[in-house]
């Protein structure tokens, strides 16, 4: 998946619960094709476990060709496999996405090879946040 660009990320940890909110963000799906993300949220409980249960939700607004280019990325290539001719497709996509799944290595996901990870090193704890 391409990197998510977000001007602001709010992280809250209470005990073993994690809540990451991303009010606005975007993804560069392909050159000239940007996808707008709103109200992004990742929640996880029992983050001290190896694969804590988590939930990811986000609202997506974008031109339909941009969304199709994300779905057509390797290794899945869903659009190419369907035989759909994307060069003639027009339209807009406006939808919400929510998935519950066990999360992998949270530390690696938070500070791995991502733009967000580069900003997570220096932070202050804010009581009650």
N, C-alpha and C. Protein backbone atom coordinates (compact mmCIF):
# COMPACT_ATOMS: atom_id res chain seq x y z
N UNK A 1 0.85 -1.17 0.00
CA UNK A 1 0.00 0.00 0.00
C UNK A 1 0.89 1.23 0.00
N UNK A 2 0.51 2.26 -0.74
CA UNK A 2 1.33 3.48 -0.76
C UNK A 2 1.28 4.21 0.57
N UNK A 3 2.26 5.05 0.85
CA UNK A 3 2.28 5.79 2.12
C UNK A 3 1.08 6.73 2.25
N UNK A 4 0.60 6.87 3.45
CA UNK A 4 -0.48 7.79 3.76
C UNK A 4 0.16 9.09 4.23
N UNK A 5 -0.24 10.21 3.64
CA UNK A 5 0.28 11.52 4.02
C UNK A 5 -0.77 12.20 4.88
N UNK A 6 -0.40 12.54 6.12
CA UNK A 6 -1.34 13.16 7.04
C UNK A 6 -0.69 14.34 7.74
N UNK A 7 -1.33 15.51 7.73
CA UNK A 7 -0.75 16.66 8.42
C UNK A 7 -0.83 16.55 9.93
N UNK A 8 -1.76 15.72 10.43
CA UNK A 8 -1.94 15.61 11.88
C UNK A 8 -2.41 14.21 12.24
N UNK A 9 -1.77 13.64 13.27
CA UNK A 9 -2.15 12.32 13.79
C UNK A 9 -2.25 12.45 15.30
N UNK A 10 -3.33 11.96 15.86
CA UNK A 10 -3.53 11.98 17.30
C UNK A 10 -3.42 10.56 17.82
N UNK A 11 -2.51 10.34 18.76
CA UNK A 11 -2.28 9.01 19.32
C UNK A 11 -2.61 9.04 20.80
N UNK A 12 -3.43 8.09 21.22
CA UNK A 12 -3.79 7.99 22.64
C UNK A 12 -3.59 6.55 23.09
N UNK A 13 -2.87 6.39 24.20
CA UNK A 13 -2.65 5.08 24.79
C UNK A 13 -3.15 5.12 26.22
N UNK A 14 -4.04 4.21 26.56
CA UNK A 14 -4.53 4.06 27.92
C UNK A 14 -4.38 2.61 28.30
N UNK A 15 -3.48 2.33 29.23
CA UNK A 15 -3.24 0.94 29.61
C UNK A 15 -2.77 0.15 28.41
N UNK A 16 -3.54 -0.85 28.02
CA UNK A 16 -3.17 -1.67 26.86
C UNK A 16 -4.04 -1.36 25.65
N UNK A 17 -4.70 -0.20 25.66
CA UNK A 17 -5.55 0.20 24.53
C UNK A 17 -4.87 1.31 23.73
N UNK A 18 -4.98 1.22 22.43
CA UNK A 18 -4.38 2.20 21.52
C UNK A 18 -5.48 2.79 20.65
N UNK A 19 -5.44 4.10 20.46
CA UNK A 19 -6.38 4.79 19.58
C UNK A 19 -5.59 5.79 18.75
N UNK A 20 -5.59 5.62 17.45
CA UNK A 20 -4.89 6.52 16.54
C UNK A 20 -5.95 7.15 15.63
N UNK A 21 -6.06 8.48 15.68
CA UNK A 21 -7.03 9.20 14.85
C UNK A 21 -6.28 10.04 13.82
N UNK A 22 -6.77 9.99 12.60
CA UNK A 22 -6.21 10.78 11.51
C UNK A 22 -7.38 11.54 10.88
N UNK A 23 -7.58 12.81 11.29
CA UNK A 23 -8.74 13.55 10.79
C UNK A 23 -8.79 13.68 9.27
N UNK A 24 -7.66 13.99 8.66
CA UNK A 24 -7.58 14.12 7.20
C UNK A 24 -6.25 13.57 6.73
N UNK A 25 -6.29 12.91 5.59
CA UNK A 25 -5.06 12.36 5.01
C UNK A 25 -5.29 12.16 3.51
N UNK A 26 -4.23 11.76 2.84
CA UNK A 26 -4.36 11.44 1.42
C UNK A 26 -3.33 10.38 1.04
N UNK A 27 -3.61 9.74 -0.07
CA UNK A 27 -2.73 8.70 -0.60
C UNK A 27 -2.53 9.00 -2.07
N UNK A 28 -1.29 8.93 -2.54
CA UNK A 28 -1.02 9.09 -3.96
C UNK A 28 -1.16 7.70 -4.58
N UNK A 29 -2.29 7.47 -5.24
CA UNK A 29 -2.59 6.16 -5.81
C UNK A 29 -1.73 5.88 -7.03
N UNK A 30 -1.51 6.88 -7.83
CA UNK A 30 -0.69 6.80 -9.04
C UNK A 30 -0.36 8.24 -9.41
N UNK A 31 0.60 8.46 -10.29
CA UNK A 31 0.91 9.84 -10.66
C UNK A 31 -0.35 10.60 -11.10
N UNK A 32 -0.63 11.71 -10.41
CA UNK A 32 -1.80 12.51 -10.73
C UNK A 32 -3.11 11.99 -10.18
N UNK A 33 -3.08 10.90 -9.43
CA UNK A 33 -4.30 10.31 -8.88
C UNK A 33 -4.19 10.25 -7.36
N UNK A 34 -4.87 11.18 -6.69
CA UNK A 34 -4.81 11.28 -5.24
C UNK A 34 -6.15 10.86 -4.65
N UNK A 35 -6.07 10.13 -3.52
CA UNK A 35 -7.26 9.68 -2.81
C UNK A 35 -7.32 10.43 -1.48
N UNK A 36 -8.47 11.02 -1.19
CA UNK A 36 -8.68 11.76 0.05
C UNK A 36 -9.27 10.82 1.10
N UNK A 37 -8.69 10.84 2.29
CA UNK A 37 -9.16 10.02 3.41
C UNK A 37 -9.62 10.96 4.52
N UNK A 38 -10.75 10.66 5.13
CA UNK A 38 -11.27 11.50 6.21
C UNK A 38 -11.71 10.61 7.37
N UNK A 39 -11.53 11.12 8.57
CA UNK A 39 -11.99 10.41 9.75
C UNK A 39 -11.34 9.06 9.95
N UNK A 40 -10.07 8.93 9.60
CA UNK A 40 -9.36 7.67 9.76
C UNK A 40 -9.13 7.34 11.22
N UNK A 41 -9.29 6.08 11.56
CA UNK A 41 -9.08 5.67 12.95
C UNK A 41 -8.61 4.23 13.01
N UNK A 42 -7.62 4.01 13.87
CA UNK A 42 -7.15 2.66 14.17
C UNK A 42 -7.28 2.49 15.68
N UNK A 43 -7.97 1.45 16.09
CA UNK A 43 -8.07 1.16 17.51
C UNK A 43 -7.60 -0.26 17.74
N UNK A 44 -6.98 -0.47 18.87
CA UNK A 44 -6.52 -1.81 19.24
C UNK A 44 -6.61 -1.96 20.75
N UNK A 45 -6.95 -3.17 21.16
CA UNK A 45 -6.98 -3.48 22.58
C UNK A 45 -5.91 -4.53 22.84
N UNK A 46 -5.47 -4.60 24.05
CA UNK A 46 -4.47 -5.59 24.45
C UNK A 46 -3.22 -5.51 23.56
N UNK A 47 -2.69 -4.29 23.40
CA UNK A 47 -1.53 -4.10 22.53
C UNK A 47 -0.27 -4.74 23.07
N UNK A 48 -0.32 -5.27 24.28
CA UNK A 48 0.83 -5.98 24.82
C UNK A 48 0.89 -7.41 24.29
N UNK A 49 -0.12 -7.86 23.56
CA UNK A 49 -0.12 -9.19 22.95
C UNK A 49 0.60 -9.14 21.60
N UNK A 50 1.00 -10.31 21.09
CA UNK A 50 1.69 -10.36 19.80
C UNK A 50 0.80 -9.91 18.65
N UNK A 51 -0.44 -10.32 18.63
CA UNK A 51 -1.36 -9.96 17.54
C UNK A 51 -2.66 -9.43 18.16
N UNK A 52 -2.63 -8.19 18.64
CA UNK A 52 -3.81 -7.64 19.30
C UNK A 52 -4.98 -7.44 18.34
N UNK A 53 -6.20 -7.60 18.83
CA UNK A 53 -7.35 -7.33 17.98
C UNK A 53 -7.43 -5.84 17.67
N UNK A 54 -7.74 -5.51 16.44
CA UNK A 54 -7.79 -4.11 16.06
C UNK A 54 -8.92 -3.83 15.09
N UNK A 55 -9.16 -2.56 14.88
CA UNK A 55 -10.17 -2.14 13.92
C UNK A 55 -9.66 -0.90 13.20
N UNK A 56 -9.86 -0.87 11.89
CA UNK A 56 -9.46 0.26 11.06
C UNK A 56 -10.71 0.77 10.36
N UNK A 57 -10.93 2.09 10.42
CA UNK A 57 -12.07 2.66 9.71
C UNK A 57 -11.64 3.98 9.07
N UNK A 58 -12.24 4.29 7.93
CA UNK A 58 -11.90 5.52 7.21
C UNK A 58 -12.98 5.80 6.16
N UNK A 59 -13.18 7.07 5.86
CA UNK A 59 -14.05 7.46 4.76
C UNK A 59 -13.15 7.83 3.58
N UNK A 60 -13.52 7.36 2.42
CA UNK A 60 -12.70 7.55 1.21
C UNK A 60 -13.50 8.35 0.20
N UNK A 61 -12.88 9.41 -0.34
CA UNK A 61 -13.47 10.20 -1.40
C UNK A 61 -12.41 10.39 -2.47
N UNK A 62 -12.73 9.97 -3.70
CA UNK A 62 -11.72 10.06 -4.75
C UNK A 62 -12.34 9.82 -6.11
N UNK A 63 -11.63 10.22 -7.15
CA UNK A 63 -12.05 9.81 -8.49
C UNK A 63 -11.97 8.28 -8.59
N UNK A 64 -12.93 7.68 -9.26
CA UNK A 64 -12.97 6.23 -9.37
C UNK A 64 -11.69 5.65 -9.98
N UNK A 65 -11.08 6.25 -11.00
CA UNK A 65 -9.83 5.68 -11.53
C UNK A 65 -8.71 5.58 -10.49
N UNK A 66 -8.66 6.53 -9.55
CA UNK A 66 -7.64 6.47 -8.50
C UNK A 66 -7.87 5.28 -7.58
N UNK A 67 -9.12 5.03 -7.22
CA UNK A 67 -9.44 3.88 -6.36
C UNK A 67 -9.12 2.58 -7.10
N UNK A 68 -9.45 2.52 -8.36
CA UNK A 68 -9.16 1.31 -9.15
C UNK A 68 -7.66 1.07 -9.26
N UNK A 69 -6.87 2.14 -9.32
CA UNK A 69 -5.42 1.95 -9.42
C UNK A 69 -4.85 1.36 -8.13
N UNK A 70 -5.46 1.68 -6.97
CA UNK A 70 -5.03 1.06 -5.70
C UNK A 70 -5.38 -0.43 -5.72
N UNK A 71 -6.59 -0.76 -6.18
CA UNK A 71 -7.03 -2.16 -6.22
C UNK A 71 -6.23 -2.99 -7.22
N UNK A 72 -5.60 -2.31 -8.16
CA UNK A 72 -4.86 -3.02 -9.20
C UNK A 72 -3.38 -3.19 -8.89
N UNK A 73 -2.95 -2.79 -7.71
CA UNK A 73 -1.53 -2.94 -7.35
C UNK A 73 -1.16 -4.40 -7.15
N UNK A 74 0.09 -4.71 -7.45
CA UNK A 74 0.61 -6.05 -7.20
C UNK A 74 0.71 -6.26 -5.70
N UNK A 75 0.54 -7.41 -5.18
CA UNK A 75 0.44 -8.69 -5.87
C UNK A 75 -0.99 -9.07 -6.25
N UNK A 76 -1.99 -8.23 -5.95
CA UNK A 76 -3.38 -8.65 -6.16
C UNK A 76 -3.89 -8.41 -7.57
N UNK A 77 -3.67 -7.25 -8.12
CA UNK A 77 -4.05 -6.92 -9.50
C UNK A 77 -5.52 -7.26 -9.78
N UNK A 78 -6.40 -6.89 -8.87
CA UNK A 78 -7.81 -7.25 -9.00
C UNK A 78 -8.45 -6.71 -10.28
N UNK A 79 -8.11 -5.49 -10.67
CA UNK A 79 -8.74 -4.89 -11.84
C UNK A 79 -8.28 -5.58 -13.12
N UNK A 80 -6.97 -5.78 -13.25
CA UNK A 80 -6.46 -6.48 -14.45
C UNK A 80 -7.03 -7.87 -14.56
N UNK A 81 -7.12 -8.58 -13.43
CA UNK A 81 -7.65 -9.94 -13.45
C UNK A 81 -9.12 -9.98 -13.85
N UNK A 82 -9.85 -8.90 -13.58
CA UNK A 82 -11.27 -8.87 -13.93
C UNK A 82 -11.50 -8.61 -15.41
N UNK A 83 -10.46 -8.09 -16.10
CA UNK A 83 -10.59 -7.78 -17.52
C UNK A 83 -11.23 -6.42 -17.78
N UNK A 84 -11.43 -5.62 -16.75
CA UNK A 84 -12.04 -4.31 -16.86
C UNK A 84 -11.08 -3.35 -17.56
N UNK A 85 -11.57 -2.64 -18.56
CA UNK A 85 -10.76 -1.65 -19.28
C UNK A 85 -10.84 -0.32 -18.54
N UNK A 86 -9.85 -0.02 -17.73
CA UNK A 86 -9.90 1.16 -16.85
C UNK A 86 -9.68 2.49 -17.56
N UNK A 87 -9.09 2.47 -18.76
CA UNK A 87 -8.79 3.73 -19.43
C UNK A 87 -10.04 4.52 -19.81
N UNK A 88 -11.18 3.88 -19.89
CA UNK A 88 -12.41 4.57 -20.27
C UNK A 88 -13.37 4.79 -19.10
N UNK A 89 -12.92 4.52 -17.89
CA UNK A 89 -13.79 4.64 -16.72
C UNK A 89 -13.71 6.05 -16.13
N UNK A 90 -14.88 6.60 -15.83
CA UNK A 90 -14.98 7.90 -15.18
C UNK A 90 -15.91 7.75 -13.99
N UNK A 91 -15.84 8.69 -13.07
CA UNK A 91 -16.77 8.67 -11.96
C UNK A 91 -16.08 9.02 -10.66
N UNK A 92 -16.88 9.05 -9.59
CA UNK A 92 -16.37 9.37 -8.27
C UNK A 92 -16.69 8.23 -7.32
N UNK A 93 -15.81 8.05 -6.35
CA UNK A 93 -16.01 7.04 -5.31
C UNK A 93 -16.16 7.77 -3.99
N UNK A 94 -17.20 7.45 -3.24
CA UNK A 94 -17.42 8.02 -1.91
C UNK A 94 -17.94 6.89 -1.04
N UNK A 95 -17.13 6.43 -0.13
CA UNK A 95 -17.55 5.30 0.68
C UNK A 95 -16.82 5.24 2.00
N UNK A 96 -17.30 4.35 2.86
CA UNK A 96 -16.67 4.13 4.15
C UNK A 96 -16.15 2.71 4.21
N UNK A 97 -15.03 2.58 4.88
CA UNK A 97 -14.34 1.30 4.98
C UNK A 97 -14.12 1.01 6.46
N UNK A 98 -14.48 -0.18 6.89
CA UNK A 98 -14.24 -0.58 8.28
C UNK A 98 -13.91 -2.06 8.28
N UNK A 99 -12.82 -2.40 8.96
CA UNK A 99 -12.41 -3.80 9.02
C UNK A 99 -11.85 -4.09 10.41
N UNK A 100 -12.22 -5.24 10.93
CA UNK A 100 -11.67 -5.71 12.21
C UNK A 100 -10.74 -6.87 11.89
N UNK A 101 -9.53 -6.83 12.47
CA UNK A 101 -8.54 -7.86 12.19
C UNK A 101 -7.48 -7.87 13.26
N UNK A 102 -6.78 -8.99 13.42
CA UNK A 102 -5.65 -8.98 14.34
C UNK A 102 -4.51 -8.18 13.70
N UNK A 103 -3.89 -7.34 14.49
CA UNK A 103 -2.80 -6.50 13.98
C UNK A 103 -1.47 -7.19 14.18
N UNK A 104 -0.54 -6.91 13.28
CA UNK A 104 0.80 -7.50 13.37
C UNK A 104 1.65 -6.73 14.36
N UNK A 105 2.91 -6.62 14.09
CA UNK A 105 3.87 -5.95 14.95
C UNK A 105 3.59 -4.45 14.96
N UNK A 106 2.93 -3.95 16.02
CA UNK A 106 2.52 -2.55 16.08
C UNK A 106 3.71 -1.59 16.08
N UNK A 107 4.78 -1.94 16.77
CA UNK A 107 5.93 -1.04 16.81
C UNK A 107 6.51 -0.88 15.42
N UNK A 108 6.64 -1.95 14.69
CA UNK A 108 7.18 -1.89 13.34
C UNK A 108 6.24 -1.11 12.44
N UNK A 109 4.94 -1.31 12.60
CA UNK A 109 3.97 -0.59 11.78
C UNK A 109 4.01 0.90 12.07
N UNK A 110 4.22 1.27 13.33
CA UNK A 110 4.19 2.68 13.71
C UNK A 110 5.46 3.41 13.33
N UNK A 111 6.61 2.77 13.38
CA UNK A 111 7.86 3.47 13.13
C UNK A 111 8.68 2.85 12.02
N UNK A 112 8.05 2.07 11.18
CA UNK A 112 8.76 1.42 10.09
C UNK A 112 9.13 2.40 9.00
N UNK A 113 9.21 1.92 7.78
CA UNK A 113 9.59 2.76 6.65
C UNK A 113 8.39 3.60 6.20
N UNK A 114 7.97 4.53 7.04
CA UNK A 114 6.82 5.36 6.69
C UNK A 114 7.12 6.80 7.05
N UNK A 115 6.41 7.71 6.41
CA UNK A 115 6.58 9.12 6.71
C UNK A 115 6.12 9.42 8.12
N UNK A 116 5.01 8.80 8.56
CA UNK A 116 4.50 9.04 9.91
C UNK A 116 5.51 8.56 10.94
N UNK A 117 6.16 7.46 10.68
CA UNK A 117 7.12 6.92 11.62
C UNK A 117 8.27 7.86 11.90
N UNK A 118 8.62 8.68 10.93
CA UNK A 118 9.73 9.60 11.11
C UNK A 118 9.39 10.68 12.13
N UNK A 119 8.10 10.95 12.34
CA UNK A 119 7.70 11.99 13.28
C UNK A 119 7.29 11.45 14.64
N UNK A 120 7.33 10.14 14.84
CA UNK A 120 6.87 9.58 16.10
C UNK A 120 7.96 9.48 17.15
N UNK A 121 9.20 9.76 16.80
CA UNK A 121 10.28 9.59 17.75
C UNK A 121 10.28 10.59 18.89
N UNK A 122 10.04 11.86 18.62
CA UNK A 122 10.03 12.90 19.64
C UNK A 122 8.59 13.32 19.90
N UNK A 123 8.10 13.00 21.08
CA UNK A 123 6.73 13.37 21.41
C UNK A 123 6.61 13.59 22.90
N UNK A 124 5.56 14.25 23.29
CA UNK A 124 5.29 14.47 24.70
C UNK A 124 4.00 13.77 25.06
N UNK A 125 3.94 13.23 26.24
CA UNK A 125 2.71 12.64 26.74
C UNK A 125 1.82 13.76 27.26
N UNK A 126 0.58 13.73 26.87
CA UNK A 126 -0.37 14.72 27.33
C UNK A 126 -1.39 14.01 28.21
N UNK A 127 -1.41 14.32 29.52
CA UNK A 127 -2.35 13.64 30.42
C UNK A 127 -3.79 13.78 29.93
N UNK A 128 -4.50 12.67 29.95
CA UNK A 128 -5.90 12.67 29.56
C UNK A 128 -6.14 12.63 28.07
N UNK A 129 -5.11 12.62 27.27
CA UNK A 129 -5.27 12.59 25.82
C UNK A 129 -5.19 11.17 25.32
